[in-house]
Amino acid sequence: MAEFSNLFGQRILAKRDGKQTEVSVTELDGKYVGVYFSAHWCPPCRAFTPLLRKTYNLQTALGKPFEIVFVSSDRSQEEFESYYDEMPWKAIPYSETTYRSALGRRFGVMGIPTLVMLSPEGHVVNTNARTAIIRDPEASRFPWEGEEERPAFSLLPIFLLIVVAWLVAQFLFGRR
């Protein structure tokens, strides 16, 4: 089992009868955990959250060992509360800025929304689970292990090679 307390602390938020309550982080034991970096003010986040909610509800209804932990980038407790009300999963309390910041650094989060999938042992299985879920909203490939998005092909190296070749040609064969 993973020591999720190293990542999230001892207590996280959960929904019980529609209300937020603190629960032990041990509720994550034995589950794949999606670490969801998002914020109320972020339009791409607002667009992705309903899809993630649908996938989460489907997987948990099927009894899959799956949980999500929301890591807020909101600007205030009020924004956090409003946004978290739309989510059925767990969350790092907004007041836990140390854990929220450390998670972003640990997983190299450069923008939001970001979803990082962890194995029940706490190992990273996908740093770009957002794209995996967009491609597989029915979660037929859950937990999306090894589905990292390949970087897009870039013409920049070819362009630079052409520019360097041209400069060398100008130097060697240019006007004298």
C-alpha atoms as a PDB file:
ATOM      1  CA  MET A   1       0.000   0.000   0.000  1.00  0.00           C
ATOM      2  CA  ALA A   2       1.051   3.552  -0.656  1.00  0.00           C
ATOM      3  CA  GLU A   3       1.739   6.098   1.990  1.00  0.00           C
ATOM      4  CA  PHE A   4      -0.639   8.671   0.569  1.00  0.00           C
ATOM      5  CA  SER A   5      -0.261  10.674   3.775  1.00  0.00           C
ATOM      6  CA  ASN A   6       3.169  11.764   2.507  1.00  0.00           C
ATOM      7  CA  LEU A   7       1.436  13.416  -0.439  1.00  0.00           C
ATOM      8  CA  PHE A   8      -1.865  14.609   1.006  1.00  0.00           C
ATOM      9  CA  GLY A   9      -1.417  14.787   4.776  1.00  0.00           C
ATOM     10  CA  GLN A  10      -3.418  12.812   7.338  1.00  0.00           C
ATOM     11  CA  ARG A  11      -6.842  14.320   6.620  1.00  0.00           C
ATOM     12  CA  ILE A  12      -8.605  15.162   3.370  1.00  0.00           C
ATOM     13  CA  LEU A  13     -12.071  16.427   2.555  1.00  0.00           C
ATOM     14  CA  ALA A  14     -14.852  14.111   1.417  1.00  0.00           C
ATOM     15  CA  LYS A  15     -18.579  14.415   0.762  1.00  0.00           C
ATOM     16  CA  ARG A  16     -20.897  12.690   3.216  1.00  0.00           C
ATOM     17  CA  ASP A  17     -24.635  13.177   2.720  1.00  0.00           C
ATOM     18  CA  GLY A  18     -23.861  16.167   0.501  1.00  0.00           C
ATOM     19  CA  LYS A  19     -21.721  17.889   3.132  1.00  0.00           C
ATOM     20  CA  GLN A  20     -17.972  18.344   3.367  1.00  0.00           C
ATOM     21  CA  THR A  21     -16.265  16.469   6.150  1.00  0.00           C
ATOM     22  CA  GLU A  22     -12.677  15.608   6.973  1.00  0.00           C
ATOM     23  CA  VAL A  23     -11.752  11.943   6.605  1.00  0.00           C
ATOM     24  CA  SER A  24      -8.588   9.926   7.012  1.00  0.00           C
ATOM     25  CA  VAL A  25      -6.323   9.750   3.990  1.00  0.00           C
ATOM     26  CA  THR A  26      -6.393   5.963   4.492  1.00  0.00           C
ATOM     27  CA  GLU A  27      -9.681   6.014   2.523  1.00  0.00           C
ATOM     28  CA  LEU A  28      -7.417   6.151  -0.544  1.00  0.00           C
ATOM     29  CA  ASP A  29      -5.683   2.870   0.290  1.00  0.00           C
ATOM     30  CA  GLY A  30      -5.950   0.234  -2.425  1.00  0.00           C
ATOM     31  CA  LYS A  31      -7.228   2.696  -5.031  1.00  0.00           C
ATOM     32  CA  TYR A  32      -5.942   4.354  -8.145  1.00  0.00           C
ATOM     33  CA  VAL A  33      -5.876   8.037  -7.307  1.00  0.00           C
ATOM     34  CA  GLY A  34      -6.307  10.853  -9.785  1.00  0.00           C
ATOM     35  CA  VAL A  35      -4.697  14.044  -8.503  1.00  0.00           C
ATOM     36  CA  TYR A  36      -6.775  16.799 -10.107  1.00  0.00           C
ATOM     37  CA  PHE A  37      -5.208  20.257 -10.331  1.00  0.00           C
ATOM     38  CA  SER A  38      -7.926  22.740 -11.241  1.00  0.00           C
ATOM     39  CA  ALA A  39      -9.543  26.073 -10.377  1.00  0.00           C
ATOM     40  CA  HIS A  40     -12.925  27.784 -10.496  1.00  0.00           C
ATOM     41  CA  TRP A  41     -11.618  30.699 -12.610  1.00  0.00           C
ATOM     42  CA  CYS A  42     -10.092  28.466 -15.330  1.00  0.00           C
ATOM     43  CA  PRO A  43     -12.334  27.986 -18.427  1.00  0.00           C
ATOM     44  CA  PRO A  44     -10.617  24.747 -19.601  1.00  0.00           C
ATOM     45  CA  CYS A  45     -11.031  23.387 -16.063  1.00  0.00           C
ATOM     46  CA  ARG A  46     -14.721  24.270 -16.040  1.00  0.00           C
ATOM     47  CA  ALA A  47     -15.098  22.430 -19.351  1.00  0.00           C
ATOM     48  CA  PHE A  48     -13.187  19.299 -18.232  1.00  0.00           C
ATOM     49  CA  THR A  49     -14.687  18.870 -14.748  1.00  0.00           C
ATOM     50  CA  PRO A  50     -18.127  17.640 -15.991  1.00  0.00           C
ATOM     51  CA  LEU A  51     -16.445  14.988 -18.178  1.00  0.00           C
ATOM     52  CA  LEU A  52     -14.238  13.919 -15.282  1.00  0.00           C
ATOM     53  CA  ARG A  53     -17.282  13.778 -12.984  1.00  0.00           C
ATOM     54  CA  LYS A  54     -19.108  11.540 -15.488  1.00  0.00           C
ATOM     55  CA  THR A  55     -16.118   9.192 -15.791  1.00  0.00           C
ATOM     56  CA  TYR A  56     -15.632   9.125 -12.009  1.00  0.00           C
ATOM     57  CA  ASN A  57     -19.304   8.379 -11.328  1.00  0.00           C
ATOM     58  CA  LEU A  58     -19.303   5.600 -13.935  1.00  0.00           C
ATOM     59  CA  GLN A  59     -16.171   3.978 -12.542  1.00  0.00           C
ATOM     60  CA  THR A  60     -17.209   4.168  -8.903  1.00  0.00           C
ATOM     61  CA  ALA A  61     -20.696   2.821  -9.763  1.00  0.00           C
ATOM     62  CA  LEU A  62     -18.949  -0.163 -11.348  1.00  0.00           C
ATOM     63  CA  GLY A  63     -16.955  -0.649  -8.147  1.00  0.00           C
ATOM     64  CA  LYS A  64     -13.597   0.253  -9.669  1.00  0.00           C
ATOM     65  CA  PRO A  65     -10.862   1.125  -7.147  1.00  0.00           C
ATOM     66  CA  PHE A  66     -10.759   4.778  -8.204  1.00  0.00           C
ATOM     67  CA  GLU A  67     -10.672   8.056  -6.321  1.00  0.00           C
ATOM     68  CA  ILE A  68      -9.856  11.633  -7.223  1.00  0.00           C
ATOM     69  CA  VAL A  69      -8.268  14.243  -4.996  1.00  0.00           C
ATOM     70  CA  PHE A  70      -8.899  17.864  -6.000  1.00  0.00           C
ATOM     71  CA  VAL A  71      -5.933  20.202  -5.572  1.00  0.00           C
ATOM     72  CA  SER A  72      -7.275  23.742  -5.856  1.00  0.00           C
ATOM     73  CA  SER A  73      -5.573  26.670  -7.532  1.00  0.00           C
ATOM     74  CA  ASP A  74      -8.462  28.939  -6.579  1.00  0.00           C
ATOM     75  CA  ARG A  75      -7.778  32.428  -5.271  1.00  0.00           C
ATOM     76  CA  SER A  76      -9.993  32.231  -2.196  1.00  0.00           C
ATOM     77  CA  GLN A  77     -11.720  29.838   0.167  1.00  0.00           C
ATOM     78  CA  GLU A  78     -15.074  30.995  -1.275  1.00  0.00           C
ATOM     79  CA  GLU A  79     -14.059  30.107  -4.855  1.00  0.00           C
ATOM     80  CA  PHE A  80     -12.766  26.749  -3.624  1.00  0.00           C
ATOM     81  CA  GLU A  81     -16.045  26.023  -1.798  1.00  0.00           C
ATOM     82  CA  SER A  82     -18.167  26.988  -4.785  1.00  0.00           C
ATOM     83  CA  TYR A  83     -16.166  24.841  -7.204  1.00  0.00           C
ATOM     84  CA  TYR A  84     -15.775  21.873  -4.848  1.00  0.00           C
ATOM     85  CA  ASP A  85     -19.569  21.802  -4.432  1.00  0.00           C
ATOM     86  CA  GLU A  86     -19.698  20.560  -8.062  1.00  0.00           C
ATOM     87  CA  MET A  87     -17.362  17.640  -7.358  1.00  0.00           C
ATOM     88  CA  PRO A  88     -18.234  14.239  -5.857  1.00  0.00           C
ATOM     89  CA  TRP A  89     -14.661  13.279  -4.914  1.00  0.00           C
ATOM     90  CA  LYS A  90     -12.114  14.116  -2.245  1.00  0.00           C
ATOM     91  CA  ALA A  91     -10.044  17.300  -1.899  1.00  0.00           C
ATOM     92  CA  ILE A  92      -7.061  18.773  -0.125  1.00  0.00           C
ATOM     93  CA  PRO A  93      -8.466  21.404   2.256  1.00  0.00           C
ATOM     94  CA  TYR A  94      -7.938  24.895   0.836  1.00  0.00           C
ATOM     95  CA  SER A  95      -6.121  25.906   4.018  1.00  0.00           C
ATOM     96  CA  GLU A  96      -3.430  23.261   3.366  1.00  0.00           C
ATOM     97  CA  THR A  97      -1.332  25.486   1.103  1.00  0.00           C
ATOM     98  CA  THR A  98       1.849  23.570   1.910  1.00  0.00           C
ATOM     99  CA  TYR A  99       0.470  20.281   0.584  1.00  0.00           C
ATOM    100  CA  ARG A 100      -1.185  21.939  -2.423  1.00  0.00           C
ATOM    101  CA  SER A 101       2.065  23.686  -3.435  1.00  0.00           C
ATOM    102  CA  ALA A 102       4.201  20.610  -2.815  1.00  0.00           C
ATOM    103  CA  LEU A 103       1.954  18.454  -5.009  1.00  0.00           C
ATOM    104  CA  GLY A 104       2.234  20.901  -7.889  1.00  0.00           C
ATOM    105  CA  ARG A 105       6.024  20.885  -7.611  1.00  0.00           C
ATOM    106  CA  ARG A 106       6.268  17.125  -7.175  1.00  0.00           C
ATOM    107  CA  PHE A 107       4.305  16.392 -10.341  1.00  0.00           C
ATOM    108  CA  GLY A 108       5.742  19.309 -12.349  1.00  0.00           C
ATOM    109  CA  VAL A 109       2.362  20.894 -12.979  1.00  0.00           C
ATOM    110  CA  MET A 110       2.838  23.671 -15.518  1.00  0.00           C
ATOM    111  CA  GLY A 111      -0.813  24.487 -16.156  1.00  0.00           C
ATOM    112  CA  ILE A 112      -4.337  23.538 -15.273  1.00  0.00           C
ATOM    113  CA  PRO A 113      -6.360  21.443 -15.621  1.00  0.00           C
ATOM    114  CA  THR A 114      -3.920  18.612 -14.974  1.00  0.00           C
ATOM    115  CA  LEU A 115      -4.809  15.093 -13.887  1.00  0.00           C
ATOM    116  CA  VAL A 116      -2.060  12.778 -12.646  1.00  0.00           C
ATOM    117  CA  MET A 117      -2.944   9.108 -12.082  1.00  0.00           C
ATOM    118  CA  LEU A 118      -1.271   7.213  -9.251  1.00  0.00           C
ATOM    119  CA  SER A 119      -1.296   3.468  -8.703  1.00  0.00           C
ATOM    120  CA  PRO A 120      -2.542   1.998  -5.399  1.00  0.00           C
ATOM    121  CA  GLU A 121       1.153   1.807  -4.475  1.00  0.00           C
ATOM    122  CA  GLY A 122       1.534   5.551  -5.066  1.00  0.00           C
ATOM    123  CA  HIS A 123       3.526   5.307  -8.304  1.00  0.00           C
ATOM    124  CA  VAL A 124       2.786   7.691 -11.157  1.00  0.00           C
ATOM    125  CA  VAL A 125       1.079   5.768 -13.965  1.00  0.00           C
ATOM    126  CA  ASN A 126       0.075   8.730 -16.142  1.00  0.00           C
ATOM    127  CA  THR A 127       0.972  12.424 -15.882  1.00  0.00           C
ATOM    128  CA  ASN A 128      -1.510  13.350 -18.606  1.00  0.00           C
ATOM    129  CA  ALA A 129      -4.613  11.432 -17.589  1.00  0.00           C
ATOM    130  CA  ARG A 130      -6.737  14.400 -18.692  1.00  0.00           C
ATOM    131  CA  THR A 131      -6.000  13.588 -22.329  1.00  0.00           C
ATOM    132  CA  ALA A 132      -6.526   9.878 -21.669  1.00  0.00           C
ATOM    133  CA  ILE A 133      -9.997  10.565 -20.248  1.00  0.00           C
ATOM    134  CA  ILE A 134     -10.916  12.910 -23.095  1.00  0.00           C
ATOM    135  CA  ARG A 135     -10.003  10.096 -25.510  1.00  0.00           C
ATOM    136  CA  ASP A 136     -11.622   7.392 -23.353  1.00  0.00           C
ATOM    137  CA  PRO A 137     -14.518   8.944 -21.372  1.00  0.00           C
ATOM    138  CA  GLU A 138     -16.161   5.521 -20.852  1.00  0.00           C
ATOM    139  CA  ALA A 139     -12.888   4.469 -19.166  1.00  0.00           C
ATOM    140  CA  SER A 140     -12.563   1.227 -21.091  1.00  0.00           C
ATOM    141  CA  ARG A 141      -8.772   1.502 -20.618  1.00  0.00           C
ATOM    142  CA  PHE A 142      -8.904   2.459 -16.914  1.00  0.00           C
ATOM    143  CA  PRO A 143      -6.495   3.253 -15.229  1.00  0.00           C
ATOM    144  CA  TRP A 144      -4.883   4.587 -18.396  1.00  0.00           C
ATOM    145  CA  GLU A 145      -1.430   3.260 -17.545  1.00  0.00           C
ATOM    146  CA  GLY A 146       1.215   3.972 -20.141  1.00  0.00           C
ATOM    147  CA  GLU A 147      -1.025   6.279 -22.157  1.00  0.00           C
ATOM    148  CA  GLU A 148       1.213   9.296 -21.901  1.00  0.00           C
ATOM    149  CA  GLU A 149       0.601  11.718 -24.729  1.00  0.00           C
ATOM    150  CA  ARG A 150       3.409  11.682 -27.219  1.00  0.00           C
ATOM    151  CA  PRO A 151       4.875  15.088 -27.947  1.00  0.00           C
ATOM    152  CA  ALA A 152       3.714  16.610 -31.193  1.00  0.00           C
ATOM    153  CA  PHE A 153       6.065  16.426 -34.150  1.00  0.00           C
ATOM    154  CA  SER A 154       7.998  19.655 -34.481  1.00  0.00           C
ATOM    155  CA  LEU A 155       9.442  21.231 -37.596  1.00  0.00           C
ATOM    156  CA  LEU A 156      11.696  23.492 -35.521  1.00  0.00           C
ATOM    157  CA  PRO A 157      14.807  21.229 -35.673  1.00  0.00           C
ATOM    158  CA  ILE A 158      14.474  20.931 -39.454  1.00  0.00           C
ATOM    159  CA  PHE A 159      14.047  24.703 -39.798  1.00  0.00           C
ATOM    160  CA  LEU A 160      17.115  25.335 -37.640  1.00  0.00           C
ATOM    161  CA  LEU A 161      19.152  22.868 -39.698  1.00  0.00           C
ATOM    162  CA  ILE A 162      18.175  24.685 -42.907  1.00  0.00           C
ATOM    163  CA  VAL A 163      19.101  28.073 -41.416  1.00  0.00           C
ATOM    164  CA  VAL A 164      22.486  26.780 -40.225  1.00  0.00           C
ATOM    165  CA  ALA A 165      23.167  25.192 -43.642  1.00  0.00           C
ATOM    166  CA  TRP A 166      22.297  28.478 -45.352  1.00  0.00           C
ATOM    167  CA  LEU A 167      24.608  30.441 -43.032  1.00  0.00           C
ATOM    168  CA  VAL A 168      27.450  27.986 -43.635  1.00  0.00           C
ATOM    169  CA  ALA A 169      26.886  28.210 -47.409  1.00  0.00           C
ATOM    170  CA  GLN A 170      26.933  32.023 -47.229  1.00  0.00           C
ATOM    171  CA  PHE A 171      30.163  31.931 -45.267  1.00  0.00           C
ATOM    172  CA  LEU A 172      31.863  29.411 -47.572  1.00  0.00           C
ATOM    173  CA  PHE A 173      30.447  30.394 -50.956  1.00  0.00           C
ATOM    174  CA  GLY A 174      29.094  33.878 -50.479  1.00  0.00           C
ATOM    175  CA  ARG A 175      30.215  36.892 -52.504  1.00  0.00           C
ATOM    176  CA  ARG A 176      33.868  37.677 -52.354  1.00  0.00           C
END
